[in-house]
N, C-alpha and C. Protein backbone atom coordinates (compact mmCIF):
# COMPACT_ATOMS: atom_id res chain seq x y z
N MET A 1 0.93 3.86 -11.97
CA MET A 1 1.12 2.70 -11.28
C MET A 1 0.97 2.78 -9.95
N ASP A 2 0.43 1.59 -9.25
CA ASP A 2 0.20 1.64 -7.83
C ASP A 2 1.42 1.59 -6.92
N GLY A 3 1.32 2.44 -5.81
CA GLY A 3 2.46 2.61 -4.89
C GLY A 3 2.45 1.75 -3.74
N THR A 4 1.49 0.73 -3.66
CA THR A 4 1.52 -0.18 -2.41
C THR A 4 2.24 -1.49 -2.71
N ARG A 5 2.93 -1.71 -3.80
CA ARG A 5 3.73 -2.83 -3.99
C ARG A 5 5.30 -2.37 -4.21
N ARG A 6 6.13 -2.97 -3.29
CA ARG A 6 7.54 -2.49 -3.42
C ARG A 6 8.23 -2.86 -4.65
N ALA A 7 7.58 -3.96 -5.36
CA ALA A 7 8.31 -4.27 -6.83
C ALA A 7 8.06 -3.34 -7.79
N ASN A 8 6.96 -2.41 -7.63
CA ASN A 8 6.70 -1.43 -8.69
C ASN A 8 7.62 -0.07 -8.42
N ILE A 9 8.42 -0.08 -7.47
CA ILE A 9 9.33 1.05 -7.18
C ILE A 9 10.67 0.79 -7.17
N GLN A 10 11.39 1.70 -7.81
CA GLN A 10 12.83 1.52 -7.99
C GLN A 10 13.46 2.98 -7.81
N PRO A 11 14.76 3.02 -7.08
CA PRO A 11 15.52 4.17 -7.04
C PRO A 11 15.66 4.94 -8.39
N GLY A 12 15.46 6.32 -8.56
CA GLY A 12 15.57 6.98 -9.73
C GLY A 12 14.33 7.18 -10.44
N GLN A 13 13.17 6.59 -9.91
CA GLN A 13 11.85 6.65 -10.55
C GLN A 13 11.16 8.07 -10.04
N THR A 14 10.33 8.53 -10.86
CA THR A 14 9.50 9.70 -10.37
C THR A 14 8.27 9.23 -9.77
N VAL A 15 7.91 9.76 -8.63
CA VAL A 15 6.81 9.35 -7.87
C VAL A 15 6.11 10.49 -7.28
N LEU A 16 4.77 10.23 -6.88
CA LEU A 16 3.95 11.18 -6.05
C LEU A 16 3.78 10.54 -4.79
N ILE A 17 4.18 11.29 -3.65
CA ILE A 17 4.19 10.86 -2.32
C ILE A 17 3.16 11.77 -1.51
N VAL A 18 2.75 11.14 -0.39
CA VAL A 18 1.98 12.03 0.57
C VAL A 18 2.79 11.88 1.83
N GLN A 19 3.26 13.13 2.33
CA GLN A 19 3.97 13.21 3.49
C GLN A 19 3.12 13.04 4.82
N LYS A 20 3.74 12.71 5.93
CA LYS A 20 2.96 12.49 7.13
C LYS A 20 2.09 13.72 7.53
N GLN A 21 2.54 14.94 7.34
CA GLN A 21 1.80 16.06 7.80
C GLN A 21 0.74 16.44 6.75
N ASP A 22 0.84 15.72 5.53
CA ASP A 22 -0.25 16.01 4.56
C ASP A 22 -1.25 14.86 4.31
N GLN A 23 -1.16 13.98 5.36
CA GLN A 23 -2.16 12.77 5.21
C GLN A 23 -3.66 13.09 5.23
N LEU A 24 -3.86 14.12 6.03
CA LEU A 24 -5.30 14.60 6.23
C LEU A 24 -5.81 15.31 4.95
N THR A 25 -4.96 16.20 4.36
CA THR A 25 -5.30 16.86 3.30
C THR A 25 -5.17 16.20 1.92
N GLY A 26 -4.27 15.15 1.95
CA GLY A 26 -4.00 14.41 0.73
C GLY A 26 -3.09 15.11 -0.29
N LYS A 27 -2.47 16.16 0.14
CA LYS A 27 -1.54 16.83 -0.68
C LYS A 27 -0.37 15.98 -1.19
N LEU A 28 -0.17 15.85 -2.43
CA LEU A 28 0.97 15.03 -3.09
C LEU A 28 2.11 15.89 -3.44
N THR A 29 3.38 15.32 -3.23
CA THR A 29 4.56 15.88 -3.54
C THR A 29 5.24 15.02 -4.61
N GLN A 30 5.77 15.59 -5.69
CA GLN A 30 6.46 14.81 -6.69
C GLN A 30 8.03 14.98 -6.47
N GLY A 31 8.56 13.78 -6.64
CA GLY A 31 10.05 13.79 -6.56
C GLY A 31 10.62 12.46 -7.12
N MET A 32 11.96 12.32 -7.10
CA MET A 32 12.64 11.11 -7.60
C MET A 32 13.14 10.31 -6.23
N VAL A 33 12.92 9.05 -6.31
CA VAL A 33 13.13 8.07 -5.25
C VAL A 33 14.65 7.98 -5.10
N ARG A 34 15.10 8.31 -3.84
CA ARG A 34 16.59 7.94 -3.49
C ARG A 34 16.72 6.63 -2.89
N GLU A 35 15.78 6.19 -1.90
CA GLU A 35 15.88 4.99 -1.27
C GLU A 35 14.49 4.50 -0.85
N ILE A 36 14.33 3.24 -0.81
CA ILE A 36 13.09 2.56 -0.34
C ILE A 36 13.12 2.28 1.10
N LEU A 37 12.25 2.76 1.90
CA LEU A 37 12.46 2.56 3.43
C LEU A 37 11.53 1.39 3.91
N THR A 38 10.48 1.02 3.17
CA THR A 38 9.58 -0.03 3.64
C THR A 38 10.30 -1.33 3.36
N ARG A 39 10.44 -2.19 4.29
CA ARG A 39 11.05 -3.52 3.98
C ARG A 39 10.13 -4.70 3.46
N SER A 40 8.84 -4.43 3.70
CA SER A 40 7.77 -5.50 3.31
C SER A 40 7.42 -5.37 1.79
N ALA A 41 6.92 -6.42 1.26
CA ALA A 41 6.63 -6.52 -0.13
C ALA A 41 5.44 -5.53 -0.56
N THR A 42 4.46 -5.33 0.50
CA THR A 42 3.43 -4.52 0.19
C THR A 42 3.08 -3.70 1.33
N HIS A 43 2.32 -2.60 1.27
CA HIS A 43 1.87 -1.81 2.45
C HIS A 43 0.55 -1.21 1.92
N PRO A 44 -0.49 -1.32 2.74
CA PRO A 44 -1.89 -0.76 2.29
C PRO A 44 -1.87 0.67 1.97
N HIS A 45 -1.08 1.47 2.67
CA HIS A 45 -1.03 2.96 2.60
C HIS A 45 0.10 3.46 1.66
N GLY A 46 0.84 2.64 1.13
CA GLY A 46 1.78 2.98 0.08
C GLY A 46 3.22 2.67 0.78
N ILE A 47 4.20 2.37 -0.16
CA ILE A 47 5.66 2.06 0.26
C ILE A 47 6.26 3.43 0.71
N LYS A 48 7.02 3.46 1.76
CA LYS A 48 7.54 4.64 2.35
C LYS A 48 8.88 4.69 1.61
N VAL A 49 9.23 5.90 1.04
CA VAL A 49 10.42 6.20 0.37
C VAL A 49 11.10 7.53 0.94
N ARG A 50 12.25 7.74 0.57
CA ARG A 50 12.97 8.96 0.69
C ARG A 50 13.37 9.39 -0.68
N LEU A 51 13.03 10.75 -1.00
CA LEU A 51 13.31 11.32 -2.26
C LEU A 51 14.62 11.98 -2.22
N THR A 52 15.11 12.24 -3.39
CA THR A 52 16.52 12.85 -3.61
C THR A 52 16.66 14.29 -2.86
N ASN A 53 15.50 14.85 -2.58
CA ASN A 53 15.58 16.17 -1.80
C ASN A 53 15.36 15.91 -0.31
N GLY A 54 15.40 14.66 0.05
CA GLY A 54 15.41 14.38 1.53
C GLY A 54 13.93 14.21 2.13
N LEU A 55 12.96 14.52 1.48
CA LEU A 55 11.56 14.39 1.90
C LEU A 55 11.20 12.92 1.92
N VAL A 56 10.52 12.57 3.07
CA VAL A 56 9.93 11.05 3.23
C VAL A 56 8.48 11.04 3.28
N GLY A 57 8.03 10.10 2.51
CA GLY A 57 6.55 9.93 2.50
C GLY A 57 6.18 8.53 1.89
N ARG A 58 4.92 8.29 1.77
CA ARG A 58 4.39 7.07 1.14
C ARG A 58 3.86 7.22 -0.28
N VAL A 59 4.35 6.39 -1.16
CA VAL A 59 4.02 6.51 -2.54
C VAL A 59 2.62 6.19 -2.88
N LYS A 60 2.03 7.24 -3.53
CA LYS A 60 0.65 7.02 -4.03
C LYS A 60 0.60 6.66 -5.45
N THR A 61 1.49 7.16 -6.27
CA THR A 61 1.52 6.84 -7.64
C THR A 61 2.93 7.02 -8.09
N VAL A 62 3.31 5.96 -9.10
CA VAL A 62 4.51 6.07 -9.79
C VAL A 62 4.27 6.73 -11.09
N VAL A 63 4.88 7.79 -11.31
CA VAL A 63 4.59 8.60 -12.59
C VAL A 63 5.30 7.78 -13.79
N ALA A 64 4.37 7.60 -14.84
CA ALA A 64 4.73 6.87 -16.03
C ALA A 64 6.01 7.54 -16.86
N GLN A 65 6.91 6.82 -17.10
CA GLN A 65 8.08 7.46 -17.86
C GLN A 65 7.85 7.21 -19.36
N GLU A 66 7.98 8.38 -20.20
CA GLU A 66 7.82 8.23 -21.55
C GLU A 66 9.00 7.56 -22.21
N ASP A 67 8.83 6.76 -23.19
CA ASP A 67 9.97 6.05 -24.05
C ASP A 67 10.52 7.22 -24.98
N HIS A 68 11.72 7.36 -25.01
CA HIS A 68 12.20 8.27 -26.01
C HIS A 68 13.11 7.60 -27.01
N ALA A 69 12.62 6.53 -27.63
CA ALA A 69 13.54 5.68 -28.50
C ALA A 69 13.34 6.27 -30.08
């Protein structure tokens, strides 16, 4: 799922982010969202979040969660 829309992102979701220092290389870091830092509804480079491990970056992809029903 796309990371440029705030409505697609909720605390507790697993996401792939790009940190500021990794923007040139495009290296992605996976983690769970602790809080959403971007206030606007959309951002062209991705919504900025803080992960549970304290890392901050812009969401590139929301990792799909499998249903365990």
